[in-house]
Amino acid sequence: MPTPLVVIAGPTGVGKTQTAIRVAQCLGAQILSADSRQIYRHLDIGTAKPTADQRRVVAHHLLDLIGPQERFSAGEYGRQARQIIDGLRPQGTPVVLVGGSGMYVDATVDGFGVSPEADSKLRSRLESRWLAEGPQALHEELAGREPETASRLHVSDRSRILRALELLEQTGHGVAPPAGQRPIRPVPLLIALHRPREQLYQRIGRRIEDMMHQGWLAEVEDLLKKGISASSPGMESLGYAELTSYLGGKGTLECAVEQIGRKTRRYAKRQMTWLRRDRRYRWLDLARFGQGGTVERIVHQWQWRVDAVRVDSCT
């Protein structure tokens, strides 16, 4: 029987990590992190990376893969995630894929594309335009040529906007072309967690405050002292860019934190929009069911699906 896969998605700050850990404990599962920021080494506090204690409770994969200076595609994530899932298949170990990066989840569940090799001259030209014309101009260009891709990207998401424009020039499409990779079978259990908007926004605000108390600013300062450039892909992450700007003498810390909160709320809204387009997700309200009730429902649905697969394999 194929390794049962549970996907736990949802907006930032909703409570995915702790829910996934409890589900994994109930199922005897291992966790795959589907977070495009937690792949970076040394970006720990601001990415809400699982703690050492949490990783001891349940085995985690796909964390700390690359340095902040390096780039990593959704296609590469999908390849690595599938390798881990296939490696756990012989033992029948369930897998919980958890995270808010929709492209990473889709690349794993539905298959990934094969991107052409990066064109250094083209990329250099686009980067020069980013500096000369500004983010808004390039985002608007992408929206005019590929509106669906642009709608998923924030105007300041430099890496993804430039990559989408690069792919448009190379292939005519703003995303990697399909590679013929088959979707995972049986269809995974897809869970989307949510909360009432005001409650979610309050949680986001508290989490940012907690991160600042835990030393987020010092973490960013240390990265800069190690020679990590402010333009590195990792340092463009939400929050890191704003704190880097503050450390560079632009604005006050209070303004930087307010900006982080505002951008994080917008990001959460985009994550919800991304998930709602996929009707396979079952939505669970953490405010209504509580964490215990939510975990119970996920485990029950997983068991039902496993039993159904067993029946199908015998007929």
C-alpha atoms as a PDB file:
ATOM      1  CA  MET A   1       0.000   0.000   0.000  1.00  0.00           C
ATOM      2  CA  PRO A   2       1.374   3.470  -0.856  1.00  0.00           C
ATOM      3  CA  THR A   3       2.559   5.538   2.080  1.00  0.00           C
ATOM      4  CA  PRO A   4      -0.459   7.457   3.428  1.00  0.00           C
ATOM      5  CA  LEU A   5       0.070  11.204   3.108  1.00  0.00           C
ATOM      6  CA  VAL A   6      -1.674  13.901   5.130  1.00  0.00           C
ATOM      7  CA  VAL A   7      -1.314  17.535   4.078  1.00  0.00           C
ATOM      8  CA  ILE A   8      -1.921  20.186   6.738  1.00  0.00           C
ATOM      9  CA  ALA A   9      -1.969  23.639   5.165  1.00  0.00           C
ATOM     10  CA  GLY A  10      -3.273  27.024   6.201  1.00  0.00           C
ATOM     11  CA  PRO A  11      -2.274  30.656   6.641  1.00  0.00           C
ATOM     12  CA  THR A  12       0.720  31.739   8.666  1.00  0.00           C
ATOM     13  CA  GLY A  13       0.065  31.879  12.397  1.00  0.00           C
ATOM     14  CA  VAL A  14      -3.018  29.658  12.339  1.00  0.00           C
ATOM     15  CA  GLY A  15      -1.420  26.834  14.370  1.00  0.00           C
ATOM     16  CA  LYS A  16      -0.198  24.347  11.762  1.00  0.00           C
ATOM     17  CA  THR A  17       3.031  23.277  13.468  1.00  0.00           C
ATOM     18  CA  GLN A  18       1.633  22.125  16.793  1.00  0.00           C
ATOM     19  CA  THR A  19      -1.389  20.521  15.131  1.00  0.00           C
ATOM     20  CA  ALA A  20       0.872  18.598  12.727  1.00  0.00           C
ATOM     21  CA  ILE A  21       3.095  17.385  15.567  1.00  0.00           C
ATOM     22  CA  ARG A  22       0.117  16.036  17.496  1.00  0.00           C
ATOM     23  CA  VAL A  23      -1.294  14.359  14.380  1.00  0.00           C
ATOM     24  CA  ALA A  24       2.116  12.818  13.613  1.00  0.00           C
ATOM     25  CA  GLN A  25       2.356  11.477  17.170  1.00  0.00           C
ATOM     26  CA  CYS A  26      -1.070   9.851  16.839  1.00  0.00           C
ATOM     27  CA  LEU A  27      -0.218   8.262  13.486  1.00  0.00           C
ATOM     28  CA  GLY A  28       3.409   7.347  14.159  1.00  0.00           C
ATOM     29  CA  ALA A  29       4.239   9.627  11.231  1.00  0.00           C
ATOM     30  CA  GLN A  30       7.174  11.783  10.190  1.00  0.00           C
ATOM     31  CA  ILE A  31       6.848  15.426   9.135  1.00  0.00           C
ATOM     32  CA  LEU A  32       7.876  17.126   5.902  1.00  0.00           C
ATOM     33  CA  SER A  33       8.126  20.909   6.201  1.00  0.00           C
ATOM     34  CA  ALA A  34       6.586  22.679   3.190  1.00  0.00           C
ATOM     35  CA  ASP A  35       7.827  26.158   4.062  1.00  0.00           C
ATOM     36  CA  SER A  36       9.848  28.120   1.526  1.00  0.00           C
ATOM     37  CA  ARG A  37      11.634  30.084   4.273  1.00  0.00           C
ATOM     38  CA  GLN A  38      12.423  27.256   6.696  1.00  0.00           C
ATOM     39  CA  ILE A  39      14.671  25.703   4.048  1.00  0.00           C
ATOM     40  CA  TYR A  40      17.270  28.378   4.905  1.00  0.00           C
ATOM     41  CA  ARG A  41      19.901  27.707   7.539  1.00  0.00           C
ATOM     42  CA  HIS A  42      20.247  30.339  10.278  1.00  0.00           C
ATOM     43  CA  LEU A  43      16.792  31.814   9.597  1.00  0.00           C
ATOM     44  CA  ASP A  44      15.189  30.309  12.678  1.00  0.00           C
ATOM     45  CA  ILE A  45      13.226  32.801  14.760  1.00  0.00           C
ATOM     46  CA  GLY A  46      11.615  34.793  11.976  1.00  0.00           C
ATOM     47  CA  THR A  47      10.508  31.694  10.064  1.00  0.00           C
ATOM     48  CA  ALA A  48       8.953  30.077  13.161  1.00  0.00           C
ATOM     49  CA  LYS A  49      11.078  27.019  12.509  1.00  0.00           C
ATOM     50  CA  PRO A  50      10.235  23.998  14.715  1.00  0.00           C
ATOM     51  CA  THR A  51      12.353  24.007  17.851  1.00  0.00           C
ATOM     52  CA  ALA A  52      14.919  21.368  18.764  1.00  0.00           C
ATOM     53  CA  ASP A  53      12.469  19.950  21.336  1.00  0.00           C
ATOM     54  CA  GLN A  54       9.719  19.681  18.717  1.00  0.00           C
ATOM     55  CA  ARG A  55      12.083  17.927  16.315  1.00  0.00           C
ATOM     56  CA  ARG A  56      12.981  15.418  19.016  1.00  0.00           C
ATOM     57  CA  VAL A  57       9.305  14.580  19.518  1.00  0.00           C
ATOM     58  CA  VAL A  58       8.714  13.892  15.805  1.00  0.00           C
ATOM     59  CA  ALA A  59      11.254  13.471  12.987  1.00  0.00           C
ATOM     60  CA  HIS A  60      11.229  16.498  10.649  1.00  0.00           C
ATOM     61  CA  HIS A  61      12.561  16.683   7.090  1.00  0.00           C
ATOM     62  CA  LEU A  62      13.386  19.449   4.590  1.00  0.00           C
ATOM     63  CA  LEU A  63      14.550  22.036   7.109  1.00  0.00           C
ATOM     64  CA  ASP A  64      17.883  23.895   6.893  1.00  0.00           C
ATOM     65  CA  LEU A  65      18.617  22.729   3.347  1.00  0.00           C
ATOM     66  CA  ILE A  66      20.567  25.692   1.966  1.00  0.00           C
ATOM     67  CA  GLY A  67      22.330  28.893   2.955  1.00  0.00           C
ATOM     68  CA  PRO A  68      20.589  32.291   2.735  1.00  0.00           C
ATOM     69  CA  GLN A  69      22.609  33.145  -0.405  1.00  0.00           C
ATOM     70  CA  GLU A  70      21.274  30.176  -2.397  1.00  0.00           C
ATOM     71  CA  ARG A  71      18.128  29.718  -4.473  1.00  0.00           C
ATOM     72  CA  PHE A  72      15.721  26.804  -4.297  1.00  0.00           C
ATOM     73  CA  SER A  73      12.780  26.031  -6.591  1.00  0.00           C
ATOM     74  CA  ALA A  74       9.431  24.417  -5.933  1.00  0.00           C
ATOM     75  CA  GLY A  75      10.406  21.744  -8.440  1.00  0.00           C
ATOM     76  CA  GLU A  76      13.506  20.849  -6.456  1.00  0.00           C
ATOM     77  CA  TYR A  77      11.435  20.777  -3.279  1.00  0.00           C
ATOM     78  CA  GLY A  78       8.943  18.417  -4.916  1.00  0.00           C
ATOM     79  CA  ARG A  79      11.727  16.090  -6.023  1.00  0.00           C
ATOM     80  CA  GLN A  80      13.239  15.905  -2.553  1.00  0.00           C
ATOM     81  CA  ALA A  81       9.859  15.510  -0.850  1.00  0.00           C
ATOM     82  CA  ARG A  82       8.942  12.616  -3.134  1.00  0.00           C
ATOM     83  CA  GLN A  83      12.270  10.923  -2.454  1.00  0.00           C
ATOM     84  CA  ILE A  84      11.618  11.021   1.294  1.00  0.00           C
ATOM     85  CA  ILE A  85       8.045   9.770   0.877  1.00  0.00           C
ATOM     86  CA  ASP A  86       9.284   6.904  -1.322  1.00  0.00           C
ATOM     87  CA  GLY A  87      12.018   6.130   1.221  1.00  0.00           C
ATOM     88  CA  LEU A  88       9.444   5.764   3.997  1.00  0.00           C
ATOM     89  CA  ARG A  89       7.112   3.670   1.846  1.00  0.00           C
ATOM     90  CA  PRO A  90       8.667   0.223   2.584  1.00  0.00           C
ATOM     91  CA  GLN A  91       8.119   0.692   6.340  1.00  0.00           C
ATOM     92  CA  GLY A  92       4.569   1.933   5.792  1.00  0.00           C
ATOM     93  CA  THR A  93       5.423   5.089   7.748  1.00  0.00           C
ATOM     94  CA  PRO A  94       2.764   7.792   7.322  1.00  0.00           C
ATOM     95  CA  VAL A  95       3.905  11.262   6.279  1.00  0.00           C
ATOM     96  CA  VAL A  96       2.482  14.614   7.376  1.00  0.00           C
ATOM     97  CA  LEU A  97       3.303  17.409   4.929  1.00  0.00           C
ATOM     98  CA  VAL A  98       2.830  20.724   6.742  1.00  0.00           C
ATOM     99  CA  GLY A  99       3.377  24.291   5.636  1.00  0.00           C
ATOM    100  CA  GLY A 100       1.996  27.406   4.049  1.00  0.00           C
ATOM    101  CA  SER A 101       3.938  27.405   0.773  1.00  0.00           C
ATOM    102  CA  GLY A 102       1.283  26.450  -1.751  1.00  0.00           C
ATOM    103  CA  MET A 103       3.764  25.897  -4.582  1.00  0.00           C
ATOM    104  CA  TYR A 104       5.733  23.429  -2.467  1.00  0.00           C
ATOM    105  CA  VAL A 105       2.606  21.491  -1.533  1.00  0.00           C
ATOM    106  CA  ASP A 106       1.346  21.422  -5.121  1.00  0.00           C
ATOM    107  CA  ALA A 107       4.753  20.345  -6.451  1.00  0.00           C
ATOM    108  CA  THR A 108       4.677  17.369  -4.087  1.00  0.00           C
ATOM    109  CA  VAL A 109       1.042  16.316  -4.369  1.00  0.00           C
ATOM    110  CA  ASP A 110       0.365  16.958  -8.055  1.00  0.00           C
ATOM    111  CA  GLY A 111       3.814  16.709  -9.604  1.00  0.00           C
ATOM    112  CA  PHE A 112       6.478  19.231 -10.373  1.00  0.00           C
ATOM    113  CA  GLY A 113       7.723  21.051 -13.408  1.00  0.00           C
ATOM    114  CA  VAL A 114      11.173  21.033 -14.927  1.00  0.00           C
ATOM    115  CA  SER A 115      12.601  24.543 -15.130  1.00  0.00           C
ATOM    116  CA  PRO A 116      15.168  25.475 -17.736  1.00  0.00           C
ATOM    117  CA  GLU A 117      18.619  26.395 -16.500  1.00  0.00           C
ATOM    118  CA  ALA A 118      18.927  29.926 -15.144  1.00  0.00           C
ATOM    119  CA  ASP A 119      20.141  32.440 -17.726  1.00  0.00           C
ATOM    120  CA  SER A 120      22.672  34.635 -15.931  1.00  0.00           C
ATOM    121  CA  LYS A 121      22.574  37.410 -18.553  1.00  0.00           C
ATOM    122  CA  LEU A 122      18.774  37.500 -18.581  1.00  0.00           C
ATOM    123  CA  ARG A 123      18.628  37.468 -14.799  1.00  0.00           C
ATOM    124  CA  SER A 124      21.191  40.287 -14.600  1.00  0.00           C
ATOM    125  CA  ARG A 125      19.078  42.355 -17.001  1.00  0.00           C
ATOM    126  CA  LEU A 126      15.936  41.771 -14.929  1.00  0.00           C
ATOM    127  CA  GLU A 127      17.730  42.637 -11.698  1.00  0.00           C
ATOM    128  CA  SER A 128      18.932  45.901 -13.239  1.00  0.00           C
ATOM    129  CA  ARG A 129      15.361  46.703 -14.259  1.00  0.00           C
ATOM    130  CA  TRP A 130      14.153  45.908 -10.720  1.00  0.00           C
ATOM    131  CA  LEU A 131      16.552  48.533  -9.368  1.00  0.00           C
ATOM    132  CA  ALA A 132      15.868  51.102 -12.096  1.00  0.00           C
ATOM    133  CA  GLU A 133      12.088  50.736 -12.545  1.00  0.00           C
ATOM    134  CA  GLY A 134      11.034  49.451  -9.137  1.00  0.00           C
ATOM    135  CA  PRO A 135       9.029  46.416  -7.947  1.00  0.00           C
ATOM    136  CA  GLN A 136       5.636  47.826  -8.954  1.00  0.00           C
ATOM    137  CA  ALA A 137       6.590  48.136 -12.618  1.00  0.00           C
ATOM    138  CA  LEU A 138       7.828  44.543 -12.910  1.00  0.00           C
ATOM    139  CA  HIS A 139       4.880  43.150 -10.971  1.00  0.00           C
ATOM    140  CA  GLU A 140       2.519  45.010 -13.314  1.00  0.00           C
ATOM    141  CA  GLU A 141       4.378  43.627 -16.328  1.00  0.00           C
ATOM    142  CA  LEU A 142       3.971  40.103 -14.957  1.00  0.00           C
ATOM    143  CA  ALA A 143       0.282  40.764 -14.277  1.00  0.00           C
ATOM    144  CA  GLY A 144      -0.216  41.855 -17.866  1.00  0.00           C
ATOM    145  CA  ARG A 145       1.477  38.772 -19.271  1.00  0.00           C
ATOM    146  CA  GLU A 146       0.481  36.111 -16.725  1.00  0.00           C
ATOM    147  CA  PRO A 147      -2.179  37.443 -14.316  1.00  0.00           C
ATOM    148  CA  GLU A 148      -2.715  34.173 -12.426  1.00  0.00           C
ATOM    149  CA  THR A 149       0.960  33.926 -11.480  1.00  0.00           C
ATOM    150  CA  ALA A 150       1.124  37.628 -10.537  1.00  0.00           C
ATOM    151  CA  SER A 151      -1.955  37.339  -8.320  1.00  0.00           C
ATOM    152  CA  ARG A 152      -0.123  34.823  -6.125  1.00  0.00           C
ATOM    153  CA  LEU A 153       2.944  37.027  -5.632  1.00  0.00           C
ATOM    154  CA  HIS A 154       3.369  40.095  -3.454  1.00  0.00           C
ATOM    155  CA  VAL A 155       4.689  43.141  -5.268  1.00  0.00           C
ATOM    156  CA  SER A 156       7.921  43.013  -3.226  1.00  0.00           C
ATOM    157  CA  ASP A 157       8.566  39.277  -3.771  1.00  0.00           C
ATOM    158  CA  ARG A 158      11.684  39.974  -5.813  1.00  0.00           C
ATOM    159  CA  SER A 159      12.957  36.405  -6.281  1.00  0.00           C
ATOM    160  CA  ARG A 160       9.681  34.917  -7.522  1.00  0.00           C
ATOM    161  CA  ILE A 161       8.714  37.868  -9.713  1.00  0.00           C
ATOM    162  CA  LEU A 162      12.105  37.852 -11.429  1.00  0.00           C
ATOM    163  CA  ARG A 163      12.008  34.069 -11.825  1.00  0.00           C
ATOM    164  CA  ALA A 164       8.512  34.236 -13.338  1.00  0.00           C
ATOM    165  CA  LEU A 165       9.613  36.902 -15.828  1.00  0.00           C
ATOM    166  CA  GLU A 166      12.714  34.858 -16.599  1.00  0.00           C
ATOM    167  CA  LEU A 167      10.583  31.784 -17.330  1.00  0.00           C
ATOM    168  CA  LEU A 168       8.270  33.872 -19.506  1.00  0.00           C
ATOM    169  CA  GLU A 169      11.218  34.878 -21.656  1.00  0.00           C
ATOM    170  CA  GLN A 170      12.575  31.315 -21.800  1.00  0.00           C
ATOM    171  CA  THR A 171       9.386  29.261 -22.174  1.00  0.00           C
ATOM    172  CA  GLY A 172       6.454  31.615 -22.698  1.00  0.00           C
ATOM    173  CA  HIS A 173       5.015  30.655 -19.313  1.00  0.00           C
ATOM    174  CA  GLY A 174       5.579  32.152 -15.860  1.00  0.00           C
ATOM    175  CA  VAL A 175       5.754  28.745 -14.216  1.00  0.00           C
ATOM    176  CA  ALA A 176       7.824  25.675 -14.981  1.00  0.00           C
ATOM    177  CA  PRO A 177       6.291  23.466 -17.701  1.00  0.00           C
ATOM    178  CA  PRO A 178       4.850  20.129 -16.584  1.00  0.00           C
ATOM    179  CA  ALA A 179       7.247  17.220 -16.467  1.00  0.00           C
ATOM    180  CA  GLY A 180       4.766  14.379 -16.707  1.00  0.00           C
ATOM    181  CA  GLN A 181       5.193  13.554 -13.016  1.00  0.00           C
ATOM    182  CA  ARG A 182       2.081  11.734 -11.882  1.00  0.00           C
ATOM    183  CA  PRO A 183       0.083  12.975  -8.894  1.00  0.00           C
ATOM    184  CA  ILE A 184       0.502  11.021  -5.672  1.00  0.00           C
ATOM    185  CA  ARG A 185      -1.884   8.092  -5.331  1.00  0.00           C
ATOM    186  CA  PRO A 186      -3.962   7.416  -3.371  1.00  0.00           C
ATOM    187  CA  VAL A 187      -5.086  11.042  -3.198  1.00  0.00           C
ATOM    188  CA  PRO A 188      -3.650  12.486   0.039  1.00  0.00           C
ATOM    189  CA  LEU A 189      -5.872  13.752   2.817  1.00  0.00           C
ATOM    190  CA  LEU A 190      -5.796  17.521   2.299  1.00  0.00           C
ATOM    191  CA  ILE A 191      -6.604  19.603   5.376  1.00  0.00           C
ATOM    192  CA  ALA A 192      -6.735  23.412   5.483  1.00  0.00           C
ATOM    193  CA  LEU A 193      -6.778  24.997   8.934  1.00  0.00           C
ATOM    194  CA  HIS A 194      -8.377  28.369   9.535  1.00  0.00           C
ATOM    195  CA  ARG A 195      -9.659  30.713  12.218  1.00  0.00           C
ATOM    196  CA  PRO A 196     -11.895  33.795  12.209  1.00  0.00           C
ATOM    197  CA  ARG A 197      -9.988  36.651  10.623  1.00  0.00           C
ATOM    198  CA  GLU A 198      -9.728  38.867  13.695  1.00  0.00           C
ATOM    199  CA  GLN A 199      -8.498  35.975  15.821  1.00  0.00           C
ATOM    200  CA  LEU A 200      -5.915  35.042  13.176  1.00  0.00           C
ATOM    201  CA  TYR A 201      -4.684  38.628  12.965  1.00  0.00           C
ATOM    202  CA  GLN A 202      -4.367  38.807  16.762  1.00  0.00           C
ATOM    203  CA  ARG A 203      -2.316  35.604  16.741  1.00  0.00           C
ATOM    204  CA  ILE A 204      -0.067  37.017  14.014  1.00  0.00           C
ATOM    205  CA  GLY A 205       0.500  40.155  16.074  1.00  0.00           C
ATOM    206  CA  ARG A 206       1.351  38.172  19.206  1.00  0.00           C
ATOM    207  CA  ARG A 207       3.684  35.902  17.282  1.00  0.00           C
ATOM    208  CA  ILE A 208       5.633  38.831  15.862  1.00  0.00           C
ATOM    209  CA  GLU A 209       5.963  40.267  19.376  1.00  0.00           C
ATOM    210  CA  ASP A 210       7.184  36.898  20.652  1.00  0.00           C
ATOM    211  CA  MET A 211       9.725  36.660  17.845  1.00  0.00           C
ATOM    212  CA  MET A 212      11.103  40.090  18.699  1.00  0.00           C
ATOM    213  CA  HIS A 213      11.410  39.100  22.367  1.00  0.00           C
ATOM    214  CA  GLN A 214      13.182  35.876  21.329  1.00  0.00           C
ATOM    215  CA  GLY A 215      15.888  37.872  19.572  1.00  0.00           C
ATOM    216  CA  TRP A 216      14.769  38.143  15.950  1.00  0.00           C
ATOM    217  CA  LEU A 217      16.545  41.478  15.466  1.00  0.00           C
ATOM    218  CA  ALA A 218      19.797  40.029  16.837  1.00  0.00           C
ATOM    219  CA  GLU A 219      19.403  37.057  14.479  1.00  0.00           C
ATOM    220  CA  VAL A 220      19.189  39.396  11.480  1.00  0.00           C
ATOM    221  CA  GLU A 221      22.106  41.481  12.750  1.00  0.00           C
ATOM    222  CA  ASP A 222      24.232  38.353  13.125  1.00  0.00           C
ATOM    223  CA  LEU A 223      23.460  37.261   9.567  1.00  0.00           C
ATOM    224  CA  LEU A 224      24.570  40.638   8.233  1.00  0.00           C
ATOM    225  CA  LYS A 225      27.763  40.486  10.313  1.00  0.00           C
ATOM    226  CA  LYS A 226      28.517  37.088   8.740  1.00  0.00           C
ATOM    227  CA  GLY A 227      28.532  38.779   5.361  1.00  0.00           C
ATOM    228  CA  ILE A 228      25.097  37.666   4.161  1.00  0.00           C
ATOM    229  CA  SER A 229      23.984  40.303   1.662  1.00  0.00           C
ATOM    230  CA  ALA A 230      20.669  42.092   2.156  1.00  0.00           C
ATOM    231  CA  SER A 231      19.818  41.101  -1.443  1.00  0.00           C
ATOM    232  CA  SER A 232      20.325  37.367  -0.790  1.00  0.00           C
ATOM    233  CA  PRO A 233      17.211  35.246  -1.425  1.00  0.00           C
ATOM    234  CA  GLY A 234      16.924  34.294   2.240  1.00  0.00           C
ATOM    235  CA  MET A 235      17.167  37.879   3.431  1.00  0.00           C
ATOM    236  CA  GLU A 236      14.253  38.833   1.184  1.00  0.00           C
ATOM    237  CA  SER A 237      12.008  36.745   3.445  1.00  0.00           C
ATOM    238  CA  LEU A 238       9.084  38.493   5.085  1.00  0.00           C
ATOM    239  CA  GLY A 239      10.333  40.323   8.178  1.00  0.00           C
ATOM    240  CA  TYR A 240      14.016  39.869   7.455  1.00  0.00           C
ATOM    241  CA  ALA A 241      13.909  42.507   4.727  1.00  0.00           C
ATOM    242  CA  GLU A 242      12.164  45.007   7.008  1.00  0.00           C
ATOM    243  CA  LEU A 243      14.549  44.450   9.915  1.00  0.00           C
ATOM    244  CA  THR A 244      17.535  44.656   7.555  1.00  0.00           C
ATOM    245  CA  SER A 245      16.252  47.994   6.317  1.00  0.00           C
ATOM    246  CA  TYR A 246      15.931  49.249   9.908  1.00  0.00           C
ATOM    247  CA  LEU A 247      19.463  48.120  10.742  1.00  0.00           C
ATOM    248  CA  GLY A 248      20.612  50.014   7.662  1.00  0.00           C
ATOM    249  CA  GLY A 249      19.288  53.228   9.170  1.00  0.00           C
ATOM    250  CA  LYS A 250      15.916  53.423   7.427  1.00  0.00           C
ATOM    251  CA  GLY A 251      13.036  54.243   9.770  1.00  0.00           C
ATOM    252  CA  THR A 252      12.359  53.213  13.351  1.00  0.00           C
ATOM    253  CA  LEU A 253      12.088  49.731  14.800  1.00  0.00           C
ATOM    254  CA  GLU A 254       8.445  50.403  15.645  1.00  0.00           C
ATOM    255  CA  CYS A 255       7.706  51.231  12.013  1.00  0.00           C
ATOM    256  CA  ALA A 256       9.542  48.097  10.852  1.00  0.00           C
ATOM    257  CA  VAL A 257       7.501  45.884  13.192  1.00  0.00           C
ATOM    258  CA  GLU A 258       4.255  47.538  12.069  1.00  0.00           C
ATOM    259  CA  GLN A 259       5.216  46.926   8.456  1.00  0.00           C
ATOM    260  CA  ILE A 260       5.980  43.270   9.189  1.00  0.00           C
ATOM    261  CA  GLY A 261       2.550  42.860  10.763  1.00  0.00           C
ATOM    262  CA  ARG A 262       0.795  44.503   7.839  1.00  0.00           C
ATOM    263  CA  LYS A 263       2.642  42.422   5.233  1.00  0.00           C
ATOM    264  CA  THR A 264       2.120  39.212   7.221  1.00  0.00           C
ATOM    265  CA  ARG A 265      -1.638  39.787   7.331  1.00  0.00           C
ATOM    266  CA  ARG A 266      -1.659  40.332   3.573  1.00  0.00           C
ATOM    267  CA  TYR A 267       0.390  37.191   3.089  1.00  0.00           C
ATOM    268  CA  ALA A 268      -2.074  35.179   5.192  1.00  0.00           C
ATOM    269  CA  LYS A 269      -4.896  36.459   3.008  1.00  0.00           C
ATOM    270  CA  ARG A 270      -3.075  35.350  -0.153  1.00  0.00           C
ATOM    271  CA  GLN A 271      -2.452  31.923   1.364  1.00  0.00           C
ATOM    272  CA  MET A 272      -6.178  31.518   2.034  1.00  0.00           C
ATOM    273  CA  THR A 273      -6.983  32.557  -1.542  1.00  0.00           C
ATOM    274  CA  TRP A 274      -4.504  29.995  -2.884  1.00  0.00           C
ATOM    275  CA  LEU A 275      -6.022  27.175  -0.823  1.00  0.00           C
ATOM    276  CA  ARG A 276      -9.643  28.018  -1.657  1.00  0.00           C
ATOM    277  CA  ARG A 277      -8.984  27.441  -5.350  1.00  0.00           C
ATOM    278  CA  ASP A 278      -8.444  23.721  -4.602  1.00  0.00           C
ATOM    279  CA  ARG A 279     -11.728  22.052  -3.686  1.00  0.00           C
ATOM    280  CA  ARG A 280     -10.006  18.907  -2.472  1.00  0.00           C
ATOM    281  CA  TYR A 281      -9.185  20.561   0.856  1.00  0.00           C
ATOM    282  CA  ARG A 282     -11.302  19.898   3.905  1.00  0.00           C
ATOM    283  CA  TRP A 283     -11.460  23.056   6.031  1.00  0.00           C
ATOM    284  CA  LEU A 284     -11.253  22.800   9.815  1.00  0.00           C
ATOM    285  CA  ASP A 285     -11.843  25.760  12.120  1.00  0.00           C
ATOM    286  CA  LEU A 286      -9.363  25.609  15.005  1.00  0.00           C
ATOM    287  CA  ALA A 287     -11.372  28.186  16.935  1.00  0.00           C
ATOM    288  CA  ARG A 288     -14.474  26.000  16.729  1.00  0.00           C
ATOM    289  CA  PHE A 289     -13.016  22.549  17.298  1.00  0.00           C
ATOM    290  CA  GLY A 290      -9.951  23.427  19.385  1.00  0.00           C
ATOM    291  CA  GLN A 291      -6.654  21.705  18.743  1.00  0.00           C
ATOM    292  CA  GLY A 292      -7.748  18.420  20.314  1.00  0.00           C
ATOM    293  CA  GLY A 293     -10.947  18.252  18.271  1.00  0.00           C
ATOM    294  CA  THR A 294      -9.116  19.204  15.094  1.00  0.00           C
ATOM    295  CA  VAL A 295      -6.475  16.509  15.623  1.00  0.00           C
ATOM    296  CA  GLU A 296      -9.198  13.955  16.335  1.00  0.00           C
ATOM    297  CA  ARG A 297     -10.999  14.779  13.086  1.00  0.00           C
ATOM    298  CA  ILE A 298      -7.823  14.586  11.013  1.00  0.00           C
ATOM    299  CA  VAL A 299      -6.848  11.216  12.516  1.00  0.00           C
ATOM    300  CA  HIS A 300     -10.373   9.882  11.961  1.00  0.00           C
ATOM    301  CA  GLN A 301     -10.347  10.977   8.293  1.00  0.00           C
ATOM    302  CA  TRP A 302      -6.893   9.459   7.789  1.00  0.00           C
ATOM    303  CA  GLN A 303      -7.996   6.129   9.242  1.00  0.00           C
ATOM    304  CA  TRP A 304     -11.088   6.109   7.037  1.00  0.00           C
ATOM    305  CA  ARG A 305      -8.965   6.678   3.938  1.00  0.00           C
ATOM    306  CA  VAL A 306      -6.431   3.992   4.877  1.00  0.00           C
ATOM    307  CA  ASP A 307      -9.254   1.474   5.402  1.00  0.00           C
ATOM    308  CA  ALA A 308     -10.748   2.434   2.028  1.00  0.00           C
ATOM    309  CA  VAL A 309      -7.386   1.880   0.276  1.00  0.00           C
ATOM    310  CA  ARG A 310      -7.058  -1.513   1.920  1.00  0.00           C
ATOM    311  CA  VAL A 311     -10.500  -2.507   0.672  1.00  0.00           C
ATOM    312  CA  ASP A 312      -9.693  -1.322  -2.856  1.00  0.00           C
ATOM    313  CA  SER A 313      -6.429  -3.291  -2.891  1.00  0.00           C
ATOM    314  CA  CYS A 314      -8.309  -6.482  -2.049  1.00  0.00           C
ATOM    315  CA  THR A 315     -10.974  -6.132  -4.732  1.00  0.00           C
END
